[in-house]
PDB file of N, CA and C in Angstrom:
ATOM      1  N   MET A   1     -85.008 108.233  11.541  1.00  0.00           N
ATOM      2  CA  MET A   1     -83.850 108.357  12.419  1.00  0.00           C
ATOM      3  C   MET A   1     -83.843 109.813  12.996  1.00  0.00           C
ATOM      4  N   ALA A   2     -83.626 109.853  14.307  1.00  0.00           N
ATOM      5  CA  ALA A   2     -83.646 111.130  14.947  1.00  0.00           C
ATOM      6  C   ALA A   2     -82.238 111.913  14.675  1.00  0.00           C
ATOM      7  N   ALA A   3     -82.317 113.226  14.738  1.00  0.00           N
ATOM      8  CA  ALA A   3     -81.081 113.946  14.519  1.00  0.00           C
ATOM      9  C   ALA A   3     -80.151 113.724  15.690  1.00  0.00           C
ATOM     10  N   GLN A   4     -78.835 113.699  15.378  1.00  0.00           N
ATOM     11  CA  GLN A   4     -77.890 113.452  16.365  1.00  0.00           C
ATOM     12  C   GLN A   4     -77.054 114.689  16.746  1.00  0.00           C
ATOM     13  N   THR A   5     -76.623 114.845  17.935  1.00  0.00           N
ATOM     14  CA  THR A   5     -75.721 115.954  18.377  1.00  0.00           C
ATOM     15  C   THR A   5     -74.341 115.599  17.709  1.00  0.00           C
ATOM     16  N   LEU A   6     -73.461 116.598  17.695  1.00  0.00           N
ATOM     17  CA  LEU A   6     -72.123 116.442  17.247  1.00  0.00           C
ATOM     18  C   LEU A   6     -71.398 115.397  18.092  1.00  0.00           C
ATOM     19  N   PHE A   7     -71.620 115.392  19.452  1.00  0.00           N
ATOM     20  CA  PHE A   7     -71.052 114.397  20.372  1.00  0.00           C
ATOM     21  C   PHE A   7     -71.522 113.026  19.920  1.00  0.00           C
ATOM     22  N   GLU A   8     -72.777 112.776  19.680  1.00  0.00           N
ATOM     23  CA  GLU A   8     -73.317 111.531  19.271  1.00  0.00           C
ATOM     24  C   GLU A   8     -72.720 111.007  17.980  1.00  0.00           C
ATOM     25  N   LYS A   9     -72.631 111.916  16.997  1.00  0.00           N
ATOM     26  CA  LYS A   9     -72.008 111.511  15.751  1.00  0.00           C
ATOM     27  C   LYS A   9     -70.538 111.058  15.902  1.00  0.00           C
ATOM     28  N   ILE A  10     -69.702 111.789  16.614  1.00  0.00           N
ATOM     29  CA  ILE A  10     -68.368 111.475  16.837  1.00  0.00           C
ATOM     30  C   ILE A  10     -68.325 110.153  17.640  1.00  0.00           C
ATOM     31  N   TRP A  11     -69.040 110.002  18.718  1.00  0.00           N
ATOM     32  CA  TRP A  11     -69.090 108.753  19.466  1.00  0.00           C
ATOM     33  C   TRP A  11     -69.425 107.527  18.600  1.00  0.00           C
ATOM     34  N   ASN A  12     -70.478 107.711  17.889  1.00  0.00           N
ATOM     35  CA  ASN A  12     -71.046 106.628  17.049  1.00  0.00           C
ATOM     36  C   ASN A  12     -70.026 106.222  16.006  1.00  0.00           C
ATOM     37  N   ASP A  13     -69.247 107.149  15.472  1.00  0.00           N
ATOM     38  CA  ASP A  13     -68.280 106.833  14.423  1.00  0.00           C
ATOM     39  C   ASP A  13     -67.056 106.182  14.996  1.00  0.00           C
ATOM     40  N   HIS A  14     -66.921 106.179  16.322  1.00  0.00           N
ATOM     41  CA  HIS A  14     -65.725 105.498  16.940  1.00  0.00           C
ATOM     42  C   HIS A  14     -66.038 104.248  17.732  1.00  0.00           C
ATOM     43  N   VAL A  15     -67.281 103.802  17.669  1.00  0.00           N
ATOM     44  CA  VAL A  15     -67.664 102.583  18.440  1.00  0.00           C
ATOM     45  C   VAL A  15     -67.043 101.396  17.747  1.00  0.00           C
ATOM     46  N   VAL A  16     -66.275 100.644  18.527  1.00  0.00           N
ATOM     47  CA  VAL A  16     -65.733  99.302  18.058  1.00  0.00           C
ATOM     48  C   VAL A  16     -66.764  98.258  18.363  1.00  0.00           C
ATOM     49  N   ARG A  17     -67.213  98.204  19.662  1.00  0.00           N
ATOM     50  CA  ARG A  17     -68.136  97.346  20.197  1.00  0.00           C
ATOM     51  C   ARG A  17     -68.997  97.815  21.296  1.00  0.00           C
ATOM     52  N   ALA A  18     -70.229  97.689  21.223  1.00  0.00           N
ATOM     53  CA  ALA A  18     -71.130  98.125  22.357  1.00  0.00           C
ATOM     54  C   ALA A  18     -71.664  96.886  23.007  1.00  0.00           C
ATOM     55  N   GLU A  19     -71.542  96.836  24.377  1.00  0.00           N
ATOM     56  CA  GLU A  19     -71.930  95.631  25.080  1.00  0.00           C
ATOM     57  C   GLU A  19     -73.326  95.819  25.663  1.00  0.00           C
ATOM     58  N   PRO A  20     -74.040  94.810  25.849  1.00  0.00           N
ATOM     59  CA  PRO A  20     -75.413  94.832  26.424  1.00  0.00           C
ATOM     60  C   PRO A  20     -75.510  95.581  27.801  1.00  0.00           C
ATOM     61  N   ASP A  21     -74.434  95.528  28.474  1.00  0.00           N
ATOM     62  CA  ASP A  21     -74.441  96.224  29.817  1.00  0.00           C
ATOM     63  C   ASP A  21     -74.219  97.660  29.728  1.00  0.00           C
ATOM     64  N   GLY A  22     -74.095  98.187  28.560  1.00  0.00           N
ATOM     65  CA  GLY A  22     -73.949  99.633  28.341  1.00  0.00           C
ATOM     66  C   GLY A  22     -72.496 100.163  28.152  1.00  0.00           C
ATOM     67  N   THR A  23     -71.470  99.309  28.473  1.00  0.00           N
ATOM     68  CA  THR A  23     -70.119  99.722  28.230  1.00  0.00           C
ATOM     69  C   THR A  23     -69.853  99.654  26.773  1.00  0.00           C
ATOM     70  N   THR A  24     -68.881 100.519  26.304  1.00  0.00           N
ATOM     71  CA  THR A  24     -68.558 100.645  24.903  1.00  0.00           C
ATOM     72  C   THR A  24     -67.031 100.659  24.728  1.00  0.00           C
ATOM     73  N   LEU A  25     -66.599  99.924  23.769  1.00  0.00           N
ATOM     74  CA  LEU A  25     -65.175  99.957  23.393  1.00  0.00           C
ATOM     75  C   LEU A  25     -65.046 100.938  22.298  1.00  0.00           C
ATOM     76  N   LEU A  26     -64.266 102.026  22.520  1.00  0.00           N
ATOM     77  CA  LEU A  26     -64.094 103.082  21.522  1.00  0.00           C
ATOM     78  C   LEU A  26     -62.740 102.957  20.881  1.00  0.00           C
ATOM     79  N   TYR A  27     -62.688 103.325  19.601  1.00  0.00           N
ATOM     80  CA  TYR A  27     -61.363 103.527  18.953  1.00  0.00           C
ATOM     81  C   TYR A  27     -60.933 104.947  19.034  1.00  0.00           C
ATOM     82  N   ILE A  28     -59.727 105.190  19.603  1.00  0.00           N
ATOM     83  CA  ILE A  28     -59.175 106.484  19.834  1.00  0.00           C
ATOM     84  C   ILE A  28     -58.239 106.843  18.696  1.00  0.00           C
ATOM     85  N   ASP A  29     -58.599 107.796  17.868  1.00  0.00           N
ATOM     86  CA  ASP A  29     -57.779 108.065  16.703  1.00  0.00           C
ATOM     87  C   ASP A  29     -56.843 109.256  16.795  1.00  0.00           C
ATOM     88  N   ARG A  30     -56.911 110.001  17.957  1.00  0.00           N
ATOM     89  CA  ARG A  30     -56.053 111.116  18.284  1.00  0.00           C
ATOM     90  C   ARG A  30     -55.648 111.185  19.709  1.00  0.00           C
ATOM     91  N   HIS A  31     -54.371 111.280  19.911  1.00  0.00           N
ATOM     92  CA  HIS A  31     -53.871 111.386  21.341  1.00  0.00           C
ATOM     93  C   HIS A  31     -53.334 112.809  21.551  1.00  0.00           C
ATOM     94  N   LEU A  32     -53.829 113.493  22.468  1.00  0.00           N
ATOM     95  CA  LEU A  32     -53.334 114.761  22.783  1.00  0.00           C
ATOM     96  C   LEU A  32     -52.388 114.651  24.003  1.00  0.00           C
ATOM     97  N   VAL A  33     -51.193 115.234  23.854  1.00  0.00           N
ATOM     98  CA  VAL A  33     -50.141 115.047  24.898  1.00  0.00           C
ATOM     99  C   VAL A  33     -49.747 116.473  25.369  1.00  0.00           C
ATOM    100  N   HIS A  34     -49.523 116.626  26.750  1.00  0.00           N
ATOM    101  CA  HIS A  34     -49.162 117.877  27.275  1.00  0.00           C
ATOM    102  C   HIS A  34     -47.897 117.652  28.130  1.00  0.00           C
ATOM    103  N   GLU A  35     -47.414 118.724  28.707  1.00  0.00           N
ATOM    104  CA  GLU A  35     -46.119 118.690  29.399  1.00  0.00           C
ATOM    105  C   GLU A  35     -46.105 118.225  30.731  1.00  0.00           C
ATOM    106  N   VAL A  36     -47.213 118.148  31.455  1.00  0.00           N
ATOM    107  CA  VAL A  36     -47.246 117.816  32.866  1.00  0.00           C
ATOM    108  C   VAL A  36     -47.091 116.373  33.177  1.00  0.00           C
ATOM    109  N   THR A  37     -47.994 115.496  32.552  1.00  0.00           N
ATOM    110  CA  THR A  37     -47.922 114.103  32.967  1.00  0.00           C
ATOM    111  C   THR A  37     -47.267 113.240  31.846  1.00  0.00           C
ATOM    112  N   SER A  38     -46.935 113.831  30.761  1.00  0.00           N
ATOM    113  CA  SER A  38     -46.419 112.930  29.682  1.00  0.00           C
ATOM    114  C   SER A  38     -44.996 112.346  29.999  1.00  0.00           C
ATOM    115  N   PRO A  39     -44.143 113.041  30.771  1.00  0.00           N
ATOM    116  CA  PRO A  39     -42.835 112.395  31.019  1.00  0.00           C
ATOM    117  C   PRO A  39     -42.933 111.026  31.511  1.00  0.00           C
ATOM    118  N   GLN A  40     -43.866 110.744  32.413  1.00  0.00           N
ATOM    119  CA  GLN A  40     -44.005 109.399  32.914  1.00  0.00           C
ATOM    120  C   GLN A  40     -44.342 108.371  31.810  1.00  0.00           C
ATOM    121  N   ALA A  41     -45.231 108.768  30.901  1.00  0.00           N
ATOM    122  CA  ALA A  41     -45.600 107.875  29.781  1.00  0.00           C
ATOM    123  C   ALA A  41     -44.431 107.620  28.864  1.00  0.00           C
ATOM    124  N   PHE A  42     -43.653 108.727  28.505  1.00  0.00           N
ATOM    125  CA  PHE A  42     -42.519 108.516  27.667  1.00  0.00           C
ATOM    126  C   PHE A  42     -41.411 107.676  28.357  1.00  0.00           C
ATOM    127  N   GLU A  43     -41.292 107.886  29.648  1.00  0.00           N
ATOM    128  CA  GLU A  43     -40.299 107.075  30.407  1.00  0.00           C
ATOM    129  C   GLU A  43     -40.733 105.674  30.350  1.00  0.00           C
ATOM    130  N   GLY A  44     -42.041 105.344  30.534  1.00  0.00           N
ATOM    131  CA  GLY A  44     -42.500 103.999  30.513  1.00  0.00           C
ATOM    132  C   GLY A  44     -42.210 103.271  29.162  1.00  0.00           C
ATOM    133  N   LEU A  45     -42.375 104.073  28.065  1.00  0.00           N
ATOM    134  CA  LEU A  45     -42.051 103.560  26.809  1.00  0.00           C
ATOM    135  C   LEU A  45     -40.540 103.216  26.651  1.00  0.00           C
ATOM    136  N   ALA A  46     -39.691 104.140  27.087  1.00  0.00           N
ATOM    137  CA  ALA A  46     -38.265 103.969  26.973  1.00  0.00           C
ATOM    138  C   ALA A  46     -37.855 102.742  27.798  1.00  0.00           C
ATOM    139  N   VAL A  47     -38.289 102.667  29.011  1.00  0.00           N
ATOM    140  CA  VAL A  47     -37.900 101.538  29.964  1.00  0.00           C
ATOM    141  C   VAL A  47     -38.332 100.226  29.317  1.00  0.00           C
ATOM    142  N   ALA A  48     -39.496 100.202  28.700  1.00  0.00           N
ATOM    143  CA  ALA A  48     -39.971  98.949  28.132  1.00  0.00           C
ATOM    144  C   ALA A  48     -39.360  98.693  26.639  1.00  0.00           C
ATOM    145  N   GLY A  49     -38.642  99.650  26.220  1.00  0.00           N
ATOM    146  CA  GLY A  49     -38.027  99.479  24.919  1.00  0.00           C
ATOM    147  C   GLY A  49     -39.049  99.522  23.797  1.00  0.00           C
ATOM    148  N   ARG A  50     -40.062 100.390  24.032  1.00  0.00           N
ATOM    149  CA  ARG A  50     -41.123 100.503  23.035  1.00  0.00           C
ATOM    150  C   ARG A  50     -41.171 101.851  22.396  1.00  0.00           C
ATOM    151  N   THR A  51     -41.899 101.945  21.378  1.00  0.00           N
ATOM    152  CA  THR A  51     -42.168 103.223  20.726  1.00  0.00           C
ATOM    153  C   THR A  51     -43.678 103.438  20.597  1.00  0.00           C
ATOM    154  N   PRO A  52     -44.134 104.628  20.413  1.00  0.00           N
ATOM    155  CA  PRO A  52     -45.517 104.835  20.195  1.00  0.00           C
ATOM    156  C   PRO A  52     -46.079 103.977  19.020  1.00  0.00           C
ATOM    157  N   ARG A  53     -47.223 103.350  19.120  1.00  0.00           N
ATOM    158  CA  ARG A  53     -47.795 102.546  18.079  1.00  0.00           C
ATOM    159  C   ARG A  53     -48.037 103.368  16.789  1.00  0.00           C
ATOM    160  N   ARG A  54     -48.614 104.592  17.018  1.00  0.00           N
ATOM    161  CA  ARG A  54     -48.985 105.408  15.938  1.00  0.00           C
ATOM    162  C   ARG A  54     -48.534 106.885  16.262  1.00  0.00           C
ATOM    163  N   PRO A  55     -47.311 107.134  16.170  1.00  0.00           N
ATOM    164  CA  PRO A  55     -46.866 108.541  16.577  1.00  0.00           C
ATOM    165  C   PRO A  55     -47.548 109.649  15.715  1.00  0.00           C
ATOM    166  N   GLY A  56     -47.984 109.330  14.514  1.00  0.00           N
ATOM    167  CA  GLY A  56     -48.755 110.295  13.726  1.00  0.00           C
ATOM    168  C   GLY A  56     -50.091 110.669  14.275  1.00  0.00           C
ATOM    169  N   ALA A  57     -50.589 109.816  15.140  1.00  0.00           N
ATOM    170  CA  ALA A  57     -51.950 110.094  15.763  1.00  0.00           C
ATOM    171  C   ALA A  57     -51.840 110.883  16.996  1.00  0.00           C
ATOM    172  N   ALA A  58     -50.603 111.226  17.389  1.00  0.00           N
ATOM    173  CA  ALA A  58     -50.366 111.948  18.605  1.00  0.00           C
ATOM    174  C   ALA A  58     -50.042 113.479  18.280  1.00  0.00           C
ATOM    175  N   LEU A  59     -50.465 114.321  19.093  1.00  0.00           N
ATOM    176  CA  LEU A  59     -50.155 115.742  18.880  1.00  0.00           C
ATOM    177  C   LEU A  59     -49.844 116.364  20.271  1.00  0.00           C
ATOM    178  N   ALA A  60     -48.676 116.848  20.425  1.00  0.00           N
ATOM    179  CA  ALA A  60     -48.275 117.462  21.685  1.00  0.00           C
ATOM    180  C   ALA A  60     -48.356 118.975  21.684  1.00  0.00           C
ATOM    181  N   VAL A  61     -48.999 119.504  22.725  1.00  0.00           N
ATOM    182  CA  VAL A  61     -49.149 120.933  22.865  1.00  0.00           C
ATOM    183  C   VAL A  61     -48.869 121.343  24.313  1.00  0.00           C
ATOM    184  N   PRO A  62     -47.769 122.026  24.619  1.00  0.00           N
ATOM    185  CA  PRO A  62     -47.549 122.491  25.899  1.00  0.00           C
ATOM    186  C   PRO A  62     -48.690 123.516  26.239  1.00  0.00           C
ATOM    187  N   ASP A  63     -49.378 123.284  27.331  1.00  0.00           N
ATOM    188  CA  ASP A  63     -50.519 124.111  27.588  1.00  0.00           C
ATOM    189  C   ASP A  63     -50.702 124.498  29.034  1.00  0.00           C
ATOM    190  N   HIS A  64     -50.029 123.922  29.891  1.00  0.00           N
ATOM    191  CA  HIS A  64     -50.141 124.256  31.371  1.00  0.00           C
ATOM    192  C   HIS A  64     -49.145 125.290  31.821  1.00  0.00           C
ATOM    193  N   ASN A  65     -47.993 125.285  31.287  1.00  0.00           N
ATOM    194  CA  ASN A  65     -46.964 126.206  31.713  1.00  0.00           C
ATOM    195  C   ASN A  65     -46.559 127.314  30.726  1.00  0.00           C
ATOM    196  N   VAL A  66     -47.339 127.486  29.687  1.00  0.00           N
ATOM    197  CA  VAL A  66     -47.111 128.521  28.737  1.00  0.00           C
ATOM    198  C   VAL A  66     -47.677 129.848  29.131  1.00  0.00           C
ATOM    199  N   PRO A  67     -46.882 130.881  29.030  1.00  0.00           N
ATOM    200  CA  PRO A  67     -47.398 132.234  29.297  1.00  0.00           C
ATOM    201  C   PRO A  67     -48.595 132.553  28.464  1.00  0.00           C
ATOM    202  N   THR A  68     -49.581 133.217  29.017  1.00  0.00           N
ATOM    203  CA  THR A  68     -50.744 133.643  28.245  1.00  0.00           C
ATOM    204  C   THR A  68     -50.532 135.049  27.615  1.00  0.00           C
ATOM    205  N   THR A  69     -49.522 135.796  27.975  1.00  0.00           N
ATOM    206  CA  THR A  69     -49.327 137.094  27.429  1.00  0.00           C
ATOM    207  C   THR A  69     -48.139 137.058  26.482  1.00  0.00           C
ATOM    208  N   ASP A  70     -46.944 137.478  27.013  1.00  0.00           N
ATOM    209  CA  ASP A  70     -45.766 137.623  26.151  1.00  0.00           C
ATOM    210  C   ASP A  70     -44.944 136.360  26.161  1.00  0.00           C
ATOM    211  N   ARG A  71     -45.039 135.592  25.038  1.00  0.00           N
ATOM    212  CA  ARG A  71     -44.288 134.355  25.011  1.00  0.00           C
ATOM    213  C   ARG A  71     -42.808 134.474  24.602  1.00  0.00           C
ATOM    214  N   ARG A  72     -42.428 135.817  24.346  1.00  0.00           N
ATOM    215  CA  ARG A  72     -41.060 136.068  24.061  1.00  0.00           C
ATOM    216  C   ARG A  72     -40.078 136.023  25.304  1.00  0.00           C
ATOM    217  N   VAL A  73     -40.834 136.217  26.398  1.00  0.00           N
ATOM    218  CA  VAL A  73     -40.103 136.217  27.692  1.00  0.00           C
ATOM    219  C   VAL A  73     -39.910 134.774  28.167  1.00  0.00           C
ATOM    220  N   ALA A  74     -38.704 134.514  28.627  1.00  0.00           N
ATOM    221  CA  ALA A  74     -38.369 133.169  29.130  1.00  0.00           C
ATOM    222  C   ALA A  74     -39.256 132.784  30.273  1.00  0.00           C
ATOM    223  N   ILE A  75     -39.620 131.546  30.434  1.00  0.00           N
ATOM    224  CA  ILE A  75     -40.433 131.028  31.522  1.00  0.00           C
ATOM    225  C   ILE A  75     -39.658 131.127  32.922  1.00  0.00           C
ATOM    226  N   ALA A  76     -40.150 131.857  33.827  1.00  0.00           N
ATOM    227  CA  ALA A  76     -39.344 132.197  35.056  1.00  0.00           C
ATOM    228  C   ALA A  76     -39.221 130.938  35.950  1.00  0.00           C
ATOM    229  N   ASP A  77     -40.262 130.179  36.066  1.00  0.00           N
ATOM    230  CA  ASP A  77     -40.255 128.957  36.895  1.00  0.00           C
ATOM    231  C   ASP A  77     -39.481 127.925  36.316  1.00  0.00           C
ATOM    232  N   PRO A  78     -38.388 127.438  36.959  1.00  0.00           N
ATOM    233  CA  PRO A  78     -37.493 126.450  36.385  1.00  0.00           C
ATOM    234  C   PRO A  78     -38.152 125.014  36.151  1.00  0.00           C
ATOM    235  N   ILE A  79     -39.124 124.735  37.072  1.00  0.00           N
ATOM    236  CA  ILE A  79     -39.864 123.422  36.885  1.00  0.00           C
ATOM    237  C   ILE A  79     -40.773 123.437  35.599  1.00  0.00           C
ATOM    238  N   SER A  80     -41.457 124.619  35.437  1.00  0.00           N
ATOM    239  CA  SER A  80     -42.311 124.775  34.335  1.00  0.00           C
ATOM    240  C   SER A  80     -41.440 124.678  33.012  1.00  0.00           C
ATOM    241  N   ALA A  81     -40.354 125.443  33.023  1.00  0.00           N
ATOM    242  CA  ALA A  81     -39.435 125.416  31.759  1.00  0.00           C
ATOM    243  C   ALA A  81     -38.919 124.060  31.515  1.00  0.00           C
ATOM    244  N   LYS A  82     -38.528 123.332  32.548  1.00  0.00           N
ATOM    245  CA  LYS A  82     -38.050 121.943  32.365  1.00  0.00           C
ATOM    246  C   LYS A  82     -39.147 121.031  31.804  1.00  0.00           C
ATOM    247  N   GLN A  83     -40.404 121.138  32.240  1.00  0.00           N
ATOM    248  CA  GLN A  83     -41.473 120.362  31.705  1.00  0.00           C
ATOM    249  C   GLN A  83     -41.650 120.557  30.260  1.00  0.00           C
ATOM    250  N   ILE A  84     -41.646 121.779  29.823  1.00  0.00           N
ATOM    251  CA  ILE A  84     -41.819 122.115  28.385  1.00  0.00           C
ATOM    252  C   ILE A  84     -40.583 121.563  27.562  1.00  0.00           C
ATOM    253  N   GLN A  85     -39.372 121.729  28.120  1.00  0.00           N
ATOM    254  CA  GLN A  85     -38.227 121.200  27.444  1.00  0.00           C
ATOM    255  C   GLN A  85     -38.191 119.714  27.300  1.00  0.00           C
ATOM    256  N   THR A  86     -38.620 119.061  28.411  1.00  0.00           N
ATOM    257  CA  THR A  86     -38.747 117.569  28.387  1.00  0.00           C
ATOM    258  C   THR A  86     -39.796 117.146  27.378  1.00  0.00           C
ATOM    259  N   LEU A  87     -40.846 117.822  27.296  1.00  0.00           N
ATOM    260  CA  LEU A  87     -41.843 117.458  26.323  1.00  0.00           C
ATOM    261  C   LEU A  87     -41.241 117.582  24.834  1.00  0.00           C
ATOM    262  N   ASP A  88     -40.588 118.694  24.633  1.00  0.00           N
ATOM    263  CA  ASP A  88     -39.942 118.860  23.308  1.00  0.00           C
ATOM    264  C   ASP A  88     -38.942 117.719  23.036  1.00  0.00           C
ATOM    265  N   ASP A  89     -38.076 117.436  23.971  1.00  0.00           N
ATOM    266  CA  ASP A  89     -37.094 116.343  23.835  1.00  0.00           C
ATOM    267  C   ASP A  89     -37.752 115.000  23.620  1.00  0.00           C
ATOM    268  N   ASN A  90     -38.846 114.706  24.338  1.00  0.00           N
ATOM    269  CA  ASN A  90     -39.507 113.418  24.201  1.00  0.00           C
ATOM    270  C   ASN A  90     -40.204 113.429  22.784  1.00  0.00           C
ATOM    271  N   CYS A  91     -40.772 114.450  22.380  1.00  0.00           N
ATOM    272  CA  CYS A  91     -41.424 114.420  21.015  1.00  0.00           C
ATOM    273  C   CYS A  91     -40.382 114.202  19.946  1.00  0.00           C
ATOM    274  N   ASN A  92     -39.255 114.880  20.082  1.00  0.00           N
ATOM    275  CA  ASN A  92     -38.180 114.646  19.102  1.00  0.00           C
ATOM    276  C   ASN A  92     -37.754 113.247  19.098  1.00  0.00           C
ATOM    277  N   THR A  93     -37.552 112.642  20.273  1.00  0.00           N
ATOM    278  CA  THR A  93     -37.049 111.238  20.419  1.00  0.00           C
ATOM    279  C   THR A  93     -38.064 110.203  19.837  1.00  0.00           C
ATOM    280  N   PHE A  94     -39.330 110.504  20.048  1.00  0.00           N
ATOM    281  CA  PHE A  94     -40.357 109.511  19.676  1.00  0.00           C
ATOM    282  C   PHE A  94     -41.052 109.865  18.382  1.00  0.00           C
ATOM    283  N   GLY A  95     -40.649 110.998  17.728  1.00  0.00           N
ATOM    284  CA  GLY A  95     -41.273 111.304  16.395  1.00  0.00           C
ATOM    285  C   GLY A  95     -42.757 111.781  16.500  1.00  0.00           C
ATOM    286  N   ILE A  96     -43.040 112.574  17.559  1.00  0.00           N
ATOM    287  CA  ILE A  96     -44.357 113.061  17.747  1.00  0.00           C
ATOM    288  C   ILE A  96     -44.388 114.610  17.394  1.00  0.00           C
ATOM    289  N   THR A  97     -45.387 115.004  16.655  1.00  0.00           N
ATOM    290  CA  THR A  97     -45.522 116.391  16.271  1.00  0.00           C
ATOM    291  C   THR A  97     -45.882 117.198  17.520  1.00  0.00           C
ATOM    292  N   MET A  98     -45.205 118.368  17.642  1.00  0.00           N
ATOM    293  CA  MET A  98     -45.494 119.233  18.729  1.00  0.00           C
ATOM    294  C   MET A  98     -45.719 120.644  18.240  1.00  0.00           C
ATOM    295  N   PHE A  99     -46.771 121.272  18.686  1.00  0.00           N
ATOM    296  CA  PHE A  99     -46.942 122.739  18.468  1.00  0.00           C
ATOM    297  C   PHE A  99     -46.368 123.476  19.715  1.00  0.00           C
ATOM    298  N   GLY A 100     -45.075 123.862  19.497  1.00  0.00           N
ATOM    299  CA  GLY A 100     -44.408 124.557  20.604  1.00  0.00           C
ATOM    300  C   GLY A 100     -45.046 125.839  21.027  1.00  0.00           C
ATOM    301  N   MET A 101     -44.574 126.399  22.075  1.00  0.00           N
ATOM    302  CA  MET A 101     -45.283 127.574  22.657  1.00  0.00           C
ATOM    303  C   MET A 101     -45.189 128.775  21.720  1.00  0.00           C
ATOM    304  N   ASN A 102     -44.260 128.788  20.758  1.00  0.00           N
ATOM    305  CA  ASN A 102     -44.162 129.954  19.797  1.00  0.00           C
ATOM    306  C   ASN A 102     -44.726 129.523  18.453  1.00  0.00           C
ATOM    307  N   ASP A 103     -45.384 128.398  18.373  1.00  0.00           N
ATOM    308  CA  ASP A 103     -45.947 127.933  17.129  1.00  0.00           C
ATOM    309  C   ASP A 103     -47.240 128.646  16.833  1.00  0.00           C
ATOM    310  N   ILE A 104     -47.376 129.144  15.598  1.00  0.00           N
ATOM    311  CA  ILE A 104     -48.567 129.932  15.238  1.00  0.00           C
ATOM    312  C   ILE A 104     -49.868 129.159  15.470  1.00  0.00           C
ATOM    313  N   ARG A 105     -49.745 127.791  15.345  1.00  0.00           N
ATOM    314  CA  ARG A 105     -50.945 126.960  15.537  1.00  0.00           C
ATOM    315  C   ARG A 105     -51.313 126.776  16.980  1.00  0.00           C
ATOM    316  N   GLN A 106     -50.541 127.276  17.884  1.00  0.00           N
ATOM    317  CA  GLN A 106     -50.778 127.110  19.370  1.00  0.00           C
ATOM    318  C   GLN A 106     -51.809 128.106  19.771  1.00  0.00           C
TER     319      GLN A 106
END
């Protein structure tokens, strides 16, 4: 058996079914959530009266609007600040772990 790259090992560990035409059904065991497009997904869940199937498999990290230098200063752009606050609110509502912008793991 030939050596595998890290990508190949991870891919192969997550294959549910490989089709003869080359398409593959993969099991996704971790969902990364950020502040820009997640409001639409959370709204869709709320409107449908649903909750995340496996909230423990999701991890939210605000990463688009977070200052790269001094995070003690408030975010000046109101839209950016609202996106981060909305992510925090949605994570609290749906029970999803979030590494906030001042979290040491961020």
